[in-house]
C-alpha atoms as a PDB file:
ATOM      1  CA  MET A   1      66.903  44.043  82.095  1.00  0.00           C
ATOM      2  CA  ALA A   2      66.394  40.500  83.343  1.00  0.00           C
ATOM      3  CA  THR A   3      62.736  40.538  82.319  1.00  0.00           C
ATOM      4  CA  VAL A   4      63.559  41.507  78.735  1.00  0.00           C
ATOM      5  CA  SER A   5      66.039  38.646  78.336  1.00  0.00           C
ATOM      6  CA  ALA A   6      63.556  36.232  79.974  1.00  0.00           C
ATOM      7  CA  ALA A   7      60.860  37.360  77.535  1.00  0.00           C
ATOM      8  CA  ILE A   8      63.176  36.869  74.551  1.00  0.00           C
ATOM      9  CA  ALA A   9      64.179  33.428  75.801  1.00  0.00           C
ATOM     10  CA  SER A  10      60.548  32.384  76.222  1.00  0.00           C
ATOM     11  CA  VAL A  11      59.692  33.585  72.701  1.00  0.00           C
ATOM     12  CA  LEU A  12      62.626  31.678  71.237  1.00  0.00           C
ATOM     13  CA  LEU A  13      61.637  28.579  73.183  1.00  0.00           C
ATOM     14  CA  LEU A  14      58.050  28.891  71.981  1.00  0.00           C
ATOM     15  CA  TYR A  15      59.030  29.136  68.313  1.00  0.00           C
ATOM     16  CA  GLY A  16      61.652  26.417  68.647  1.00  0.00           C
ATOM     17  CA  GLY A  17      59.133  24.016  70.172  1.00  0.00           C
ATOM     18  CA  PHE A  18      56.573  24.853  67.513  1.00  0.00           C
ATOM     19  CA  THR A  19      58.891  23.998  64.613  1.00  0.00           C
ATOM     20  CA  ALA A  20      60.033  20.774  66.261  1.00  0.00           C
ATOM     21  CA  GLN A  21      56.434  19.593  66.557  1.00  0.00           C
ATOM     22  CA  ARG A  22      55.663  20.471  62.940  1.00  0.00           C
ATOM     23  CA  SER A  23      58.620  18.546  61.514  1.00  0.00           C
ATOM     24  CA  ALA A  24      57.656  15.304  63.266  1.00  0.00           C
ATOM     25  CA  ASP A  25      54.119  15.252  61.846  1.00  0.00           C
ATOM     26  CA  PRO A  26      53.347  11.615  60.859  1.00  0.00           C
ATOM     27  CA  LEU A  27      50.980  12.709  58.090  1.00  0.00           C
ATOM     28  CA  LEU A  28      53.784  14.586  56.318  1.00  0.00           C
ATOM     29  CA  LEU A  29      56.008  11.501  56.508  1.00  0.00           C
ATOM     30  CA  ILE A  30      53.312   9.312  54.934  1.00  0.00           C
ATOM     31  CA  GLN A  31      52.721  11.798  52.107  1.00  0.00           C
ATOM     32  CA  SER A  32      56.424  12.027  51.265  1.00  0.00           C
ATOM     33  CA  GLN A  33      56.721   8.223  51.165  1.00  0.00           C
ATOM     34  CA  ALA A  34      53.682   7.984  48.876  1.00  0.00           C
ATOM     35  CA  LYS A  35      55.182  10.485  46.428  1.00  0.00           C
ATOM     36  CA  ALA A  36      58.471   8.603  46.338  1.00  0.00           C
ATOM     37  CA  SER A  37      56.808   5.327  45.341  1.00  0.00           C
ATOM     38  CA  LYS A  38      55.212   6.837  42.205  1.00  0.00           C
ATOM     39  CA  SER A  39      58.551   6.989  40.387  1.00  0.00           C
ATOM     40  CA  MET A  40      61.210   4.480  39.408  1.00  0.00           C
ATOM     41  CA  ASN A  41      64.889   4.512  38.525  1.00  0.00           C
ATOM     42  CA  CYS A  42      65.780   3.475  34.970  1.00  0.00           C
ATOM     43  CA  HIS A  43      69.414   2.432  34.434  1.00  0.00           C
ATOM     44  CA  ILE A  44      71.563   3.147  31.382  1.00  0.00           C
ATOM     45  CA  ALA A  45      71.476   0.483  28.653  1.00  0.00           C
ATOM     46  CA  SER A  46      73.328   2.122  25.737  1.00  0.00           C
ATOM     47  CA  ARG A  47      74.747   5.346  24.334  1.00  0.00           C
ATOM     48  CA  ASP A  48      74.207   6.003  20.616  1.00  0.00           C
ATOM     49  CA  PRO A  49      75.634   9.048  18.753  1.00  0.00           C
ATOM     50  CA  ASN A  50      73.501  10.590  15.984  1.00  0.00           C
ATOM     51  CA  ARG A  51      74.615  10.765  12.334  1.00  0.00           C
ATOM     52  CA  ASP A  52      76.256  14.174  12.703  1.00  0.00           C
ATOM     53  CA  ASN A  53      78.102  13.192  15.923  1.00  0.00           C
ATOM     54  CA  THR A  54      76.713  16.299  17.619  1.00  0.00           C
ATOM     55  CA  ARG A  55      74.365  14.605  20.077  1.00  0.00           C
ATOM     56  CA  ILE A  56      74.195  11.354  22.064  1.00  0.00           C
ATOM     57  CA  LYS A  57      71.008   9.383  22.613  1.00  0.00           C
ATOM     58  CA  CYS A  58      71.056   7.740  26.050  1.00  0.00           C
ATOM     59  CA  LEU A  59      68.794   4.692  26.264  1.00  0.00           C
ATOM     60  CA  TYR A  60      67.559   3.477  29.659  1.00  0.00           C
ATOM     61  CA  LYS A  61      65.874   0.230  30.741  1.00  0.00           C
ATOM     62  CA  CYS A  62      63.286   0.441  33.511  1.00  0.00           C
ATOM     63  CA  PRO A  63      62.362  -2.326  35.989  1.00  0.00           C
ATOM     64  CA  ASN A  64      58.917  -2.750  34.381  1.00  0.00           C
ATOM     65  CA  GLY A  65      60.482  -3.398  30.935  1.00  0.00           C
ATOM     66  CA  LYS A  66      59.811   0.088  29.595  1.00  0.00           C
ATOM     67  CA  THR A  67      62.526   1.890  27.610  1.00  0.00           C
ATOM     68  CA  GLU A  68      63.268   5.602  28.130  1.00  0.00           C
ATOM     69  CA  ALA A  69      65.566   7.872  26.103  1.00  0.00           C
ATOM     70  CA  GLU A  70      67.317  11.188  26.666  1.00  0.00           C
ATOM     71  CA  VAL A  71      69.266  13.215  24.089  1.00  0.00           C
ATOM     72  CA  ILE A  72      72.262  15.219  25.304  1.00  0.00           C
ATOM     73  CA  PRO A  73      75.036  17.282  23.632  1.00  0.00           C
ATOM     74  CA  LYS A  74      78.175  15.440  22.452  1.00  0.00           C
ATOM     75  CA  GLY A  75      80.503  16.793  25.168  1.00  0.00           C
ATOM     76  CA  SER A  76      78.247  15.654  28.033  1.00  0.00           C
ATOM     77  CA  SER A  77      77.983  12.191  29.536  1.00  0.00           C
ATOM     78  CA  CYS A  78      74.838  10.165  30.125  1.00  0.00           C
ATOM     79  CA  PRO A  79      73.659   9.893  33.738  1.00  0.00           C
ATOM     80  CA  ALA A  80      73.904   6.386  35.212  1.00  0.00           C
ATOM     81  CA  TYR A  81      70.159   6.391  35.874  1.00  0.00           C
ATOM     82  CA  ILE A  82      67.124   8.637  35.501  1.00  0.00           C
ATOM     83  CA  ASN A  83      64.093   8.872  37.729  1.00  0.00           C
ATOM     84  CA  VAL A  84      60.822   8.666  35.755  1.00  0.00           C
ATOM     85  CA  PRO A  85      57.164   8.600  36.852  1.00  0.00           C
ATOM     86  CA  GLN A  86      55.381   5.248  36.639  1.00  0.00           C
END
């Protein structure tokens, strides 16, 4: 019985060590940082209802001077910022 539990413990240790090494891979960290830098946060500038008062047009200003817009239903609220690709 002791050999079976020792075998199970060694298998668990092997898989646990394997996943710990994979999560600390420096290449994966660099790739995730590169993907994050290709987008920017645009902050809310104004909220304009349409003529029928059924929808709201949310206008956002981006750090590079670009303007973005999102149309939402009347009962919803505009997000404080949106994340857009550069």
